[in-house]
């Protein structure tokens, strides 16, 4: 280890759930925002590609897809915006959804 290394403690939210459904069905619910409007909002969208736009909850949440591995992993940035705001007052965070068989792990790292 070098003297310039720094270790910090970051708050992380992590959930792991086993879901009794085919991985393809779980992936579809995670990526098709119309199938989960209570989570994504009525007009939510996730563009299914690296660099794709993420817009959730009427634009209250905005981000960019950073990893897109169908039926396996979805990672995107997450930032909170007030109505009409172009720049968020909050730091960007990262949401990771990993699907392994029927087990879904959600990690949100500020």
PDB file of N, CA and C in Angstrom:
ATOM      1  N   UNK A   1       0.846  -1.174   0.000  1.00  0.00           N
ATOM      2  CA  UNK A   1       0.000   0.000   0.000  1.00  0.00           C
ATOM      3  C   UNK A   1       0.891   1.236   0.000  1.00  0.00           C
ATOM      4  N   UNK A   2       0.428   2.254  -0.700  1.00  0.00           N
ATOM      5  CA  UNK A   2       1.182   3.501  -0.746  1.00  0.00           C
ATOM      6  C   UNK A   2       0.617   4.496   0.252  1.00  0.00           C
ATOM      7  N   UNK A   3       1.422   5.511   0.562  1.00  0.00           N
ATOM      8  CA  UNK A   3       1.000   6.515   1.543  1.00  0.00           C
ATOM      9  C   UNK A   3      -0.135   7.391   1.037  1.00  0.00           C
ATOM     10  N   UNK A   4      -0.334   7.447  -0.284  1.00  0.00           N
ATOM     11  CA  UNK A   4      -1.391   8.310  -0.812  1.00  0.00           C
ATOM     12  C   UNK A   4      -2.737   7.606  -0.950  1.00  0.00           C
ATOM     13  N   UNK A   5      -2.819   6.354  -0.556  1.00  0.00           N
ATOM     14  CA  UNK A   5      -4.091   5.630  -0.618  1.00  0.00           C
ATOM     15  C   UNK A   5      -5.015   6.130   0.484  1.00  0.00           C
ATOM     16  N   UNK A   6      -6.309   6.242   0.158  1.00  0.00           N
ATOM     17  CA  UNK A   6      -7.294   6.670   1.144  1.00  0.00           C
ATOM     18  C   UNK A   6      -8.454   5.691   1.131  1.00  0.00           C
ATOM     19  N   UNK A   7      -8.931   5.348   2.286  1.00  0.00           N
ATOM     20  CA  UNK A   7     -10.083   4.479   2.408  1.00  0.00           C
ATOM     21  C   UNK A   7     -11.185   5.268   3.088  1.00  0.00           C
ATOM     22  N   UNK A   8     -12.361   5.224   2.517  1.00  0.00           N
ATOM     23  CA  UNK A   8     -13.486   5.952   3.094  1.00  0.00           C
ATOM     24  C   UNK A   8     -14.640   4.984   3.304  1.00  0.00           C
ATOM     25  N   UNK A   9     -15.573   5.409   4.073  1.00  0.00           N
ATOM     26  CA  UNK A   9     -16.782   4.633   4.313  1.00  0.00           C
ATOM     27  C   UNK A   9     -17.924   5.260   3.521  1.00  0.00           C
ATOM     28  N   UNK A  10     -18.526   4.501   2.655  1.00  0.00           N
ATOM     29  CA  UNK A  10     -19.656   5.016   1.871  1.00  0.00           C
ATOM     30  C   UNK A  10     -20.930   4.295   2.325  1.00  0.00           C
ATOM     31  N   UNK A  11     -22.010   5.044   2.437  1.00  0.00           N
ATOM     32  CA  UNK A  11     -23.293   4.432   2.750  1.00  0.00           C
ATOM     33  C   UNK A  11     -23.823   3.732   1.512  1.00  0.00           C
ATOM     34  N   UNK A  12     -24.232   2.513   1.676  1.00  0.00           N
ATOM     35  CA  UNK A  12     -24.733   1.698   0.573  1.00  0.00           C
ATOM     36  C   UNK A  12     -26.063   1.093   0.991  1.00  0.00           C
ATOM     37  N   UNK A  13     -27.026   1.127   0.075  1.00  0.00           N
ATOM     38  CA  UNK A  13     -28.280   0.413   0.280  1.00  0.00           C
ATOM     39  C   UNK A  13     -28.217  -0.833  -0.586  1.00  0.00           C
ATOM     40  N   UNK A  14     -28.497  -1.997  -0.004  1.00  0.00           N
ATOM     41  CA  UNK A  14     -28.413  -3.246  -0.763  1.00  0.00           C
ATOM     42  C   UNK A  14     -29.571  -4.147  -0.362  1.00  0.00           C
ATOM     43  N   UNK A  15     -30.272  -4.633  -1.368  1.00  0.00           N
ATOM     44  CA  UNK A  15     -31.343  -5.598  -1.179  1.00  0.00           C
ATOM     45  C   UNK A  15     -31.050  -6.812  -2.036  1.00  0.00           C
ATOM     46  N   UNK A  16     -31.334  -7.972  -1.511  1.00  0.00           N
ATOM     47  CA  UNK A  16     -31.239  -9.201  -2.304  1.00  0.00           C
ATOM     48  C   UNK A  16     -32.546  -9.962  -2.120  1.00  0.00           C
ATOM     49  N   UNK A  17     -33.160 -10.298  -3.239  1.00  0.00           N
ATOM     50  CA  UNK A  17     -34.450 -11.000  -3.198  1.00  0.00           C
ATOM     51  C   UNK A  17     -34.442 -12.166  -4.179  1.00  0.00           C
ATOM     52  N   UNK A  18     -35.001 -13.267  -3.762  1.00  0.00           N
ATOM     53  CA  UNK A  18     -35.221 -14.391  -4.661  1.00  0.00           C
ATOM     54  C   UNK A  18     -36.634 -14.261  -5.205  1.00  0.00           C
ATOM     55  N   UNK A  19     -36.748 -14.324  -6.522  1.00  0.00           N
ATOM     56  CA  UNK A  19     -38.030 -14.132  -7.186  1.00  0.00           C
ATOM     57  C   UNK A  19     -38.371 -15.401  -7.942  1.00  0.00           C
ATOM     58  N   UNK A  20     -39.574 -15.906  -7.740  1.00  0.00           N
ATOM     59  CA  UNK A  20     -40.009 -17.142  -8.386  1.00  0.00           C
ATOM     60  C   UNK A  20     -40.533 -16.832  -9.790  1.00  0.00           C
ATOM     61  N   UNK A  21     -39.602 -16.548 -10.692  1.00  0.00           N
ATOM     62  CA  UNK A  21     -39.950 -16.260 -12.085  1.00  0.00           C
ATOM     63  C   UNK A  21     -38.703 -16.504 -12.936  1.00  0.00           C
ATOM     64  N   UNK A  22     -38.930 -16.666 -14.217  1.00  0.00           N
ATOM     65  CA  UNK A  22     -37.815 -16.857 -15.142  1.00  0.00           C
ATOM     66  C   UNK A  22     -36.982 -15.581 -15.217  1.00  0.00           C
ATOM     67  N   UNK A  23     -35.658 -15.704 -15.344  1.00  0.00           N
ATOM     68  CA  UNK A  23     -34.813 -14.512 -15.449  1.00  0.00           C
ATOM     69  C   UNK A  23     -35.257 -13.555 -16.562  1.00  0.00           C
ATOM     70  N   UNK A  24     -35.736 -14.084 -17.682  1.00  0.00           N
ATOM     71  CA  UNK A  24     -36.198 -13.236 -18.784  1.00  0.00           C
ATOM     72  C   UNK A  24     -37.384 -12.378 -18.350  1.00  0.00           C
ATOM     73  N   UNK A  25     -38.274 -12.953 -17.561  1.00  0.00           N
ATOM     74  CA  UNK A  25     -39.448 -12.214 -17.083  1.00  0.00           C
ATOM     75  C   UNK A  25     -39.042 -11.139 -16.075  1.00  0.00           C
ATOM     76  N   UNK A  26     -38.090 -11.466 -15.212  1.00  0.00           N
ATOM     77  CA  UNK A  26     -37.620 -10.493 -14.227  1.00  0.00           C
ATOM     78  C   UNK A  26     -36.933  -9.328 -14.943  1.00  0.00           C
ATOM     79  N   UNK A  27     -36.069  -9.654 -15.910  1.00  0.00           N
ATOM     80  CA  UNK A  27     -35.364  -8.616 -16.672  1.00  0.00           C
ATOM     81  C   UNK A  27     -36.355  -7.690 -17.373  1.00  0.00           C
ATOM     82  N   UNK A  28     -37.403  -8.266 -17.941  1.00  0.00           N
ATOM     83  CA  UNK A  28     -38.407  -7.463 -18.646  1.00  0.00           C
ATOM     84  C   UNK A  28     -39.068  -6.461 -17.711  1.00  0.00           C
ATOM     85  N   UNK A  29     -39.363  -6.871 -16.498  1.00  0.00           N
ATOM     86  CA  UNK A  29     -39.992  -5.962 -15.539  1.00  0.00           C
ATOM     87  C   UNK A  29     -39.017  -4.861 -15.114  1.00  0.00           C
ATOM     88  N   UNK A  30     -37.747  -5.204 -14.989  1.00  0.00           N
ATOM     89  CA  UNK A  30     -36.746  -4.215 -14.571  1.00  0.00           C
ATOM     90  C   UNK A  30     -36.446  -3.179 -15.643  1.00  0.00           C
ATOM     91  N   UNK A  31     -36.599  -3.550 -16.900  1.00  0.00           N
ATOM     92  CA  UNK A  31     -36.157  -2.668 -17.984  1.00  0.00           C
ATOM     93  C   UNK A  31     -37.287  -2.048 -18.796  1.00  0.00           C
ATOM     94  N   UNK A  32     -38.480  -2.592 -18.713  1.00  0.00           N
ATOM     95  CA  UNK A  32     -39.643  -2.015 -19.398  1.00  0.00           C
ATOM     96  C   UNK A  32     -40.409  -1.196 -18.368  1.00  0.00           C
ATOM     97  N   UNK A  33     -40.188   0.092 -18.369  1.00  0.00           N
ATOM     98  CA  UNK A  33     -40.737   0.957 -17.312  1.00  0.00           C
ATOM     99  C   UNK A  33     -42.262   0.943 -17.245  1.00  0.00           C
ATOM    100  N   UNK A  34     -42.928   0.601 -18.339  1.00  0.00           N
ATOM    101  CA  UNK A  34     -44.391   0.540 -18.334  1.00  0.00           C
ATOM    102  C   UNK A  34     -44.895  -0.605 -17.456  1.00  0.00           C
ATOM    103  N   UNK A  35     -44.051  -1.588 -17.200  1.00  0.00           N
ATOM    104  CA  UNK A  35     -44.461  -2.745 -16.406  1.00  0.00           C
ATOM    105  C   UNK A  35     -44.328  -2.522 -14.906  1.00  0.00           C
ATOM    106  N   UNK A  36     -43.689  -1.424 -14.509  1.00  0.00           N
ATOM    107  CA  UNK A  36     -43.498  -1.145 -13.094  1.00  0.00           C
ATOM    108  C   UNK A  36     -43.668   0.355 -12.815  1.00  0.00           C
ATOM    109  N   UNK A  37     -44.851   0.908 -13.151  1.00  0.00           N
ATOM    110  CA  UNK A  37     -45.037   2.364 -13.031  1.00  0.00           C
ATOM    111  C   UNK A  37     -44.961   2.883 -11.596  1.00  0.00           C
ATOM    112  N   UNK A  38     -45.237   2.048 -10.618  1.00  0.00           N
ATOM    113  CA  UNK A  38     -45.136   2.481  -9.231  1.00  0.00           C
ATOM    114  C   UNK A  38     -43.701   2.784  -8.825  1.00  0.00           C
ATOM    115  N   UNK A  39     -42.746   2.179  -9.480  1.00  0.00           N
ATOM    116  CA  UNK A  39     -41.330   2.402  -9.198  1.00  0.00           C
ATOM    117  C   UNK A  39     -40.728   3.446 -10.130  1.00  0.00           C
ATOM    118  N   UNK A  40     -41.080   3.354 -11.417  1.00  0.00           N
ATOM    119  CA  UNK A  40     -40.459   4.202 -12.432  1.00  0.00           C
ATOM    120  C   UNK A  40     -41.268   5.447 -12.781  1.00  0.00           C
ATOM    121  N   UNK A  41     -42.527   5.481 -12.410  1.00  0.00           N
ATOM    122  CA  UNK A  41     -43.395   6.592 -12.799  1.00  0.00           C
ATOM    123  C   UNK A  41     -44.121   6.268 -14.093  1.00  0.00           C
ATOM    124  N   UNK A  42     -45.201   6.966 -14.336  1.00  0.00           N
ATOM    125  CA  UNK A  42     -46.039   6.692 -15.506  1.00  0.00           C
ATOM    126  C   UNK A  42     -45.318   6.931 -16.834  1.00  0.00           C
ATOM    127  N   UNK A  43     -44.377   7.870 -16.848  1.00  0.00           N
ATOM    128  CA  UNK A  43     -43.688   8.198 -18.105  1.00  0.00           C
ATOM    129  C   UNK A  43     -42.197   7.879 -18.041  1.00  0.00           C
ATOM    130  N   UNK A  44     -41.798   6.945 -17.176  1.00  0.00           N
ATOM    131  CA  UNK A  44     -40.397   6.597 -17.030  1.00  0.00           C
ATOM    132  C   UNK A  44     -39.830   5.937 -18.275  1.00  0.00           C
ATOM    133  N   UNK A  45     -38.522   6.084 -18.461  1.00  0.00           N
ATOM    134  CA  UNK A  45     -37.876   5.407 -19.578  1.00  0.00           C
ATOM    135  C   UNK A  45     -36.439   5.067 -19.219  1.00  0.00           C
ATOM    136  N   UNK A  46     -36.006   3.920 -19.723  1.00  0.00           N
ATOM    137  CA  UNK A  46     -34.625   3.490 -19.638  1.00  0.00           C
ATOM    138  C   UNK A  46     -34.249   3.044 -21.042  1.00  0.00           C
ATOM    139  N   UNK A  47     -33.328   3.770 -21.663  1.00  0.00           N
ATOM    140  CA  UNK A  47     -32.872   3.389 -23.003  1.00  0.00           C
ATOM    141  C   UNK A  47     -31.894   2.232 -22.855  1.00  0.00           C
ATOM    142  N   UNK A  48     -32.245   1.095 -23.440  1.00  0.00           N
ATOM    143  CA  UNK A  48     -31.501  -0.141 -23.273  1.00  0.00           C
ATOM    144  C   UNK A  48     -30.188  -0.226 -24.019  1.00  0.00           C
ATOM    145  N   UNK A  49     -29.229   0.578 -23.606  1.00  0.00           N
ATOM    146  CA  UNK A  49     -27.883   0.561 -24.187  1.00  0.00           C
ATOM    147  C   UNK A  49     -26.962   1.386 -23.305  1.00  0.00           C
ATOM    148  N   UNK A  50     -25.682   1.094 -23.354  1.00  0.00           N
ATOM    149  CA  UNK A  50     -24.716   1.912 -22.633  1.00  0.00           C
ATOM    150  C   UNK A  50     -24.770   3.323 -23.213  1.00  0.00           C
ATOM    151  N   UNK A  51     -24.879   4.303 -22.348  1.00  0.00           N
ATOM    152  CA  UNK A  51     -25.018   5.692 -22.766  1.00  0.00           C
ATOM    153  C   UNK A  51     -26.465   6.124 -22.907  1.00  0.00           C
ATOM    154  N   UNK A  52     -27.401   5.179 -22.750  1.00  0.00           N
ATOM    155  CA  UNK A  52     -28.814   5.491 -22.869  1.00  0.00           C
ATOM    156  C   UNK A  52     -29.306   6.365 -21.722  1.00  0.00           C
ATOM    157  N   UNK A  53     -30.332   7.137 -21.999  1.00  0.00           N
ATOM    158  CA  UNK A  53     -30.902   8.041 -20.997  1.00  0.00           C
ATOM    159  C   UNK A  53     -31.797   7.284 -20.025  1.00  0.00           C
ATOM    160  N   UNK A  54     -31.790   7.731 -18.792  1.00  0.00           N
ATOM    161  CA  UNK A  54     -32.695   7.242 -17.752  1.00  0.00           C
ATOM    162  C   UNK A  54     -33.487   8.452 -17.283  1.00  0.00           C
ATOM    163  N   UNK A  55     -34.809   8.330 -17.303  1.00  0.00           N
ATOM    164  CA  UNK A  55     -35.693   9.409 -16.851  1.00  0.00           C
ATOM    165  C   UNK A  55     -36.845   8.733 -16.114  1.00  0.00           C
ATOM    166  N   UNK A  56     -36.932   9.001 -14.820  1.00  0.00           N
ATOM    167  CA  UNK A  56     -37.921   8.328 -13.989  1.00  0.00           C
ATOM    168  C   UNK A  56     -38.707   9.346 -13.174  1.00  0.00           C
ATOM    169  N   UNK A  57     -39.881   8.943 -12.763  1.00  0.00           N
ATOM    170  CA  UNK A  57     -40.727   9.753 -11.887  1.00  0.00           C
ATOM    171  C   UNK A  57     -40.930  11.166 -12.435  1.00  0.00           C
ATOM    172  N   UNK A  58     -41.327  11.259 -13.710  1.00  0.00           N
ATOM    173  CA  UNK A  58     -41.625  12.545 -14.326  1.00  0.00           C
ATOM    174  C   UNK A  58     -40.414  13.449 -14.481  1.00  0.00           C
ATOM    175  N   UNK A  59     -39.224  12.863 -14.571  1.00  0.00           N
ATOM    176  CA  UNK A  59     -38.011  13.654 -14.702  1.00  0.00           C
ATOM    177  C   UNK A  59     -37.386  14.034 -13.370  1.00  0.00           C
ATOM    178  N   UNK A  60     -38.011  13.604 -12.270  1.00  0.00           N
ATOM    179  CA  UNK A  60     -37.474  13.863 -10.937  1.00  0.00           C
ATOM    180  C   UNK A  60     -36.134  13.137 -10.756  1.00  0.00           C
ATOM    181  N   UNK A  61     -36.016  11.968 -11.396  1.00  0.00           N
ATOM    182  CA  UNK A  61     -34.785  11.176 -11.381  1.00  0.00           C
ATOM    183  C   UNK A  61     -34.258  11.114 -12.808  1.00  0.00           C
ATOM    184  N   UNK A  62     -32.976  11.472 -12.986  1.00  0.00           N
ATOM    185  CA  UNK A  62     -32.352  11.396 -14.302  1.00  0.00           C
ATOM    186  C   UNK A  62     -30.996  10.723 -14.163  1.00  0.00           C
ATOM    187  N   UNK A  63     -30.599  10.027 -15.232  1.00  0.00           N
ATOM    188  CA  UNK A  63     -29.295   9.377 -15.210  1.00  0.00           C
ATOM    189  C   UNK A  63     -28.911   8.868 -16.579  1.00  0.00           C
ATOM    190  N   UNK A  64     -27.855   8.080 -16.601  1.00  0.00           N
ATOM    191  CA  UNK A  64     -27.325   7.496 -17.824  1.00  0.00           C
ATOM    192  C   UNK A  64     -26.974   6.043 -17.563  1.00  0.00           C
ATOM    193  N   UNK A  65     -27.340   5.164 -18.494  1.00  0.00           N
ATOM    194  CA  UNK A  65     -26.991   3.747 -18.390  1.00  0.00           C
ATOM    195  C   UNK A  65     -25.479   3.620 -18.567  1.00  0.00           C
ATOM    196  N   UNK A  66     -24.814   2.977 -17.603  1.00  0.00           N
ATOM    197  CA  UNK A  66     -23.369   2.778 -17.691  1.00  0.00           C
ATOM    198  C   UNK A  66     -22.995   1.334 -17.973  1.00  0.00           C
ATOM    199  N   UNK A  67     -23.894   0.404 -17.667  1.00  0.00           N
ATOM    200  CA  UNK A  67     -23.689  -1.007 -18.009  1.00  0.00           C
ATOM    201  C   UNK A  67     -25.026  -1.593 -18.415  1.00  0.00           C
ATOM    202  N   UNK A  68     -25.032  -2.326 -19.508  1.00  0.00           N
ATOM    203  CA  UNK A  68     -26.245  -2.965 -20.019  1.00  0.00           C
ATOM    204  C   UNK A  68     -25.871  -4.369 -20.479  1.00  0.00           C
ATOM    205  N   UNK A  69     -26.189  -5.353 -19.642  1.00  0.00           N
ATOM    206  CA  UNK A  69     -25.919  -6.747 -19.954  1.00  0.00           C
ATOM    207  C   UNK A  69     -27.245  -7.495 -19.823  1.00  0.00           C
ATOM    208  N   UNK A  70     -28.005  -7.597 -20.925  1.00  0.00           N
ATOM    209  CA  UNK A  70     -29.354  -8.163 -20.866  1.00  0.00           C
ATOM    210  C   UNK A  70     -29.441  -9.473 -20.085  1.00  0.00           C
ATOM    211  N   UNK A  71     -30.480  -9.517 -19.252  1.00  0.00           N
ATOM    212  CA  UNK A  71     -30.803 -10.641 -18.385  1.00  0.00           C
ATOM    213  C   UNK A  71     -29.734 -10.917 -17.333  1.00  0.00           C
ATOM    214  N   UNK A  72     -28.852  -9.925 -17.110  1.00  0.00           N
ATOM    215  CA  UNK A  72     -27.804 -10.121 -16.135  1.00  0.00           C
ATOM    216  C   UNK A  72     -27.543  -8.879 -15.270  1.00  0.00           C
ATOM    217  N   UNK A  73     -27.242  -7.736 -15.908  1.00  0.00           N
ATOM    218  CA  UNK A  73     -26.829  -6.572 -15.125  1.00  0.00           C
ATOM    219  C   UNK A  73     -27.226  -5.267 -15.802  1.00  0.00           C
ATOM    220  N   UNK A  74     -27.757  -4.367 -14.988  1.00  0.00           N
ATOM    221  CA  UNK A  74     -28.109  -3.017 -15.415  1.00  0.00           C
ATOM    222  C   UNK A  74     -27.561  -2.049 -14.373  1.00  0.00           C
ATOM    223  N   UNK A  75     -26.759  -1.088 -14.830  1.00  0.00           N
ATOM    224  CA  UNK A  75     -26.215  -0.072 -13.929  1.00  0.00           C
ATOM    225  C   UNK A  75     -26.484   1.285 -14.550  1.00  0.00           C
ATOM    226  N   UNK A  76     -26.965   2.219 -13.735  1.00  0.00           N
ATOM    227  CA  UNK A  76     -27.145   3.580 -14.230  1.00  0.00           C
ATOM    228  C   UNK A  76     -26.901   4.594 -13.130  1.00  0.00           C
ATOM    229  N   UNK A  77     -26.534   5.798 -13.570  1.00  0.00           N
ATOM    230  CA  UNK A  77     -26.378   6.886 -12.619  1.00  0.00           C
ATOM    231  C   UNK A  77     -27.767   7.332 -12.187  1.00  0.00           C
ATOM    232  N   UNK A  78     -27.822   7.979 -11.044  1.00  0.00           N
ATOM    233  CA  UNK A  78     -29.095   8.369 -10.433  1.00  0.00           C
ATOM    234  C   UNK A  78     -28.898   9.739  -9.817  1.00  0.00           C
ATOM    235  N   UNK A  79     -29.706  10.691 -10.227  1.00  0.00           N
ATOM    236  CA  UNK A  79     -29.626  12.014  -9.635  1.00  0.00           C
ATOM    237  C   UNK A  79     -31.023  12.594  -9.515  1.00  0.00           C
ATOM    238  N   UNK A  80     -31.236  13.354  -8.474  1.00  0.00           N
ATOM    239  CA  UNK A  80     -32.544  13.917  -8.143  1.00  0.00           C
ATOM    240  C   UNK A  80     -32.595  15.374  -8.599  1.00  0.00           C
ATOM    241  N   UNK A  81     -33.678  15.721  -9.301  1.00  0.00           N
ATOM    242  CA  UNK A  81     -33.866  17.072  -9.816  1.00  0.00           C
ATOM    243  C   UNK A  81     -35.212  17.616  -9.364  1.00  0.00           C
ATOM    244  N   UNK A  82     -35.239  18.881  -9.016  1.00  0.00           N
ATOM    245  CA  UNK A  82     -36.497  19.573  -8.729  1.00  0.00           C
ATOM    246  C   UNK A  82     -37.147  19.919 -10.070  1.00  0.00           C
ATOM    247  N   UNK A  83     -38.478  20.123 -10.101  1.00  0.00           N
ATOM    248  CA  UNK A  83     -39.142  20.477 -11.364  1.00  0.00           C
ATOM    249  C   UNK A  83     -38.487  21.687 -12.028  1.00  0.00           C
ATOM    250  N   UNK A  84     -38.179  21.561 -13.312  1.00  0.00           N
ATOM    251  CA  UNK A  84     -37.589  22.643 -14.089  1.00  0.00           C
ATOM    252  C   UNK A  84     -36.104  22.873 -13.846  1.00  0.00           C
ATOM    253  N   UNK A  85     -35.514  22.092 -12.980  1.00  0.00           N
ATOM    254  CA  UNK A  85     -34.108  22.274 -12.623  1.00  0.00           C
ATOM    255  C   UNK A  85     -33.196  21.573 -13.630  1.00  0.00           C
ATOM    256  N   UNK A  86     -32.140  22.268 -14.097  1.00  0.00           N
ATOM    257  CA  UNK A  86     -31.170  21.683 -15.022  1.00  0.00           C
ATOM    258  C   UNK A  86     -29.979  21.087 -14.302  1.00  0.00           C
ATOM    259  N   UNK A  87     -29.710  21.556 -13.111  1.00  0.00           N
ATOM    260  CA  UNK A  87     -28.579  21.076 -12.323  1.00  0.00           C
ATOM    261  C   UNK A  87     -29.107  20.631 -10.965  1.00  0.00           C
ATOM    262  N   UNK A  88     -28.732  19.432 -10.571  1.00  0.00           N
ATOM    263  CA  UNK A  88     -29.200  18.898  -9.303  1.00  0.00           C
ATOM    264  C   UNK A  88     -28.454  19.516  -8.124  1.00  0.00           C
ATOM    265  N   UNK A  89     -29.135  19.607  -7.006  1.00  0.00           N
ATOM    266  CA  UNK A  89     -28.520  20.065  -5.764  1.00  0.00           C
ATOM    267  C   UNK A  89     -27.862  18.909  -5.007  1.00  0.00           C
ATOM    268  N   UNK A  90     -27.975  17.691  -5.553  1.00  0.00           N
ATOM    269  CA  UNK A  90     -27.502  16.488  -4.879  1.00  0.00           C
ATOM    270  C   UNK A  90     -26.366  15.835  -5.652  1.00  0.00           C
ATOM    271  N   UNK A  91     -25.517  15.079  -4.974  1.00  0.00           N
ATOM    272  CA  UNK A  91     -24.462  14.360  -5.691  1.00  0.00           C
ATOM    273  C   UNK A  91     -25.048  13.181  -6.471  1.00  0.00           C
ATOM    274  N   UNK A  92     -24.386  12.849  -7.553  1.00  0.00           N
ATOM    275  CA  UNK A  92     -24.808  11.710  -8.367  1.00  0.00           C
ATOM    276  C   UNK A  92     -24.542  10.418  -7.597  1.00  0.00           C
ATOM    277  N   UNK A  93     -25.437   9.451  -7.769  1.00  0.00           N
ATOM    278  CA  UNK A  93     -25.243   8.146  -7.156  1.00  0.00           C
ATOM    279  C   UNK A  93     -25.413   7.084  -8.244  1.00  0.00           C
ATOM    280  N   UNK A  94     -25.258   5.828  -7.853  1.00  0.00           N
ATOM    281  CA  UNK A  94     -25.229   4.737  -8.830  1.00  0.00           C
ATOM    282  C   UNK A  94     -26.134   3.602  -8.377  1.00  0.00           C
ATOM    283  N   UNK A  95     -26.998   3.176  -9.276  1.00  0.00           N
ATOM    284  CA  UNK A  95     -27.910   2.080  -9.000  1.00  0.00           C
ATOM    285  C   UNK A  95     -27.473   0.878  -9.828  1.00  0.00           C
ATOM    286  N   UNK A  96     -27.290  -0.263  -9.177  1.00  0.00           N
ATOM    287  CA  UNK A  96     -26.879  -1.491  -9.844  1.00  0.00           C
ATOM    288  C   UNK A  96     -27.927  -2.565  -9.583  1.00  0.00           C
ATOM    289  N   UNK A  97     -28.400  -3.184 -10.648  1.00  0.00           N
ATOM    290  CA  UNK A  97     -29.322  -4.306 -10.566  1.00  0.00           C
ATOM    291  C   UNK A  97     -28.626  -5.511 -11.184  1.00  0.00           C
ATOM    292  N   UNK A  98     -28.412  -6.554 -10.387  1.00  0.00           N
ATOM    293  CA  UNK A  98     -27.758  -7.766 -10.866  1.00  0.00           C
ATOM    294  C   UNK A  98     -28.740  -8.913 -10.715  1.00  0.00           C
ATOM    295  N   UNK A  99     -28.909  -9.653 -11.783  1.00  0.00           N
ATOM    296  CA  UNK A  99     -29.817 -10.792 -11.801  1.00  0.00           C
ATOM    297  C   UNK A  99     -28.991 -12.052 -12.015  1.00  0.00           C
ATOM    298  N   UNK A 100     -29.052 -12.948 -11.064  1.00  0.00           N
ATOM    299  CA  UNK A 100     -28.346 -14.223 -11.158  1.00  0.00           C
ATOM    300  C   UNK A 100     -29.366 -15.325 -10.918  1.00  0.00           C
ATOM    301  N   UNK A 101     -29.797 -15.952 -12.021  1.00  0.00           N
ATOM    302  CA  UNK A 101     -30.895 -16.908 -11.905  1.00  0.00           C
ATOM    303  C   UNK A 101     -32.138 -16.170 -11.461  1.00  0.00           C
ATOM    304  N   UNK A 102     -32.741 -16.601 -10.373  1.00  0.00           N
ATOM    305  CA  UNK A 102     -33.924 -15.934  -9.842  1.00  0.00           C
ATOM    306  C   UNK A 102     -33.620 -14.999  -8.690  1.00  0.00           C
ATOM    307  N   UNK A 103     -32.337 -14.702  -8.463  1.00  0.00           N
ATOM    308  CA  UNK A 103     -31.959 -13.806  -7.379  1.00  0.00           C
ATOM    309  C   UNK A 103     -31.608 -12.435  -7.941  1.00  0.00           C
ATOM    310  N   UNK A 104     -32.281 -11.429  -7.426  1.00  0.00           N
ATOM    311  CA  UNK A 104     -32.056 -10.050  -7.827  1.00  0.00           C
ATOM    312  C   UNK A 104     -31.365  -9.320  -6.687  1.00  0.00           C
ATOM    313  N   UNK A 105     -30.267  -8.637  -7.013  1.00  0.00           N
ATOM    314  CA  UNK A 105     -29.560  -7.822  -6.023  1.00  0.00           C
ATOM    315  C   UNK A 105     -29.594  -6.383  -6.509  1.00  0.00           C
ATOM    316  N   UNK A 106     -30.099  -5.492  -5.680  1.00  0.00           N
ATOM    317  CA  UNK A 106     -30.124  -4.065  -5.945  1.00  0.00           C
ATOM    318  C   UNK A 106     -29.135  -3.398  -5.002  1.00  0.00           C
ATOM    319  N   UNK A 107     -28.226  -2.607  -5.570  1.00  0.00           N
ATOM    320  CA  UNK A 107     -27.278  -1.856  -4.772  1.00  0.00           C
ATOM    321  C   UNK A 107     -27.356  -0.401  -5.195  1.00  0.00           C
ATOM    322  N   UNK A 108     -27.498   0.497  -4.231  1.00  0.00           N
ATOM    323  CA  UNK A 108     -27.525   1.932  -4.511  1.00  0.00           C
ATOM    324  C   UNK A 108     -26.379   2.550  -3.721  1.00  0.00           C
ATOM    325  N   UNK A 109     -25.404   3.073  -4.465  1.00  0.00           N
ATOM    326  CA  UNK A 109     -24.206   3.639  -3.855  1.00  0.00           C
ATOM    327  C   UNK A 109     -24.182   5.147  -4.086  1.00  0.00           C
ATOM    328  N   UNK A 110     -24.206   5.910  -2.977  1.00  0.00           N
ATOM    329  CA  UNK A 110     -24.136   7.372  -3.157  1.00  0.00           C
ATOM    330  C   UNK A 110     -22.745   7.815  -3.568  1.00  0.00           C
TER     331      UNK A 110
END
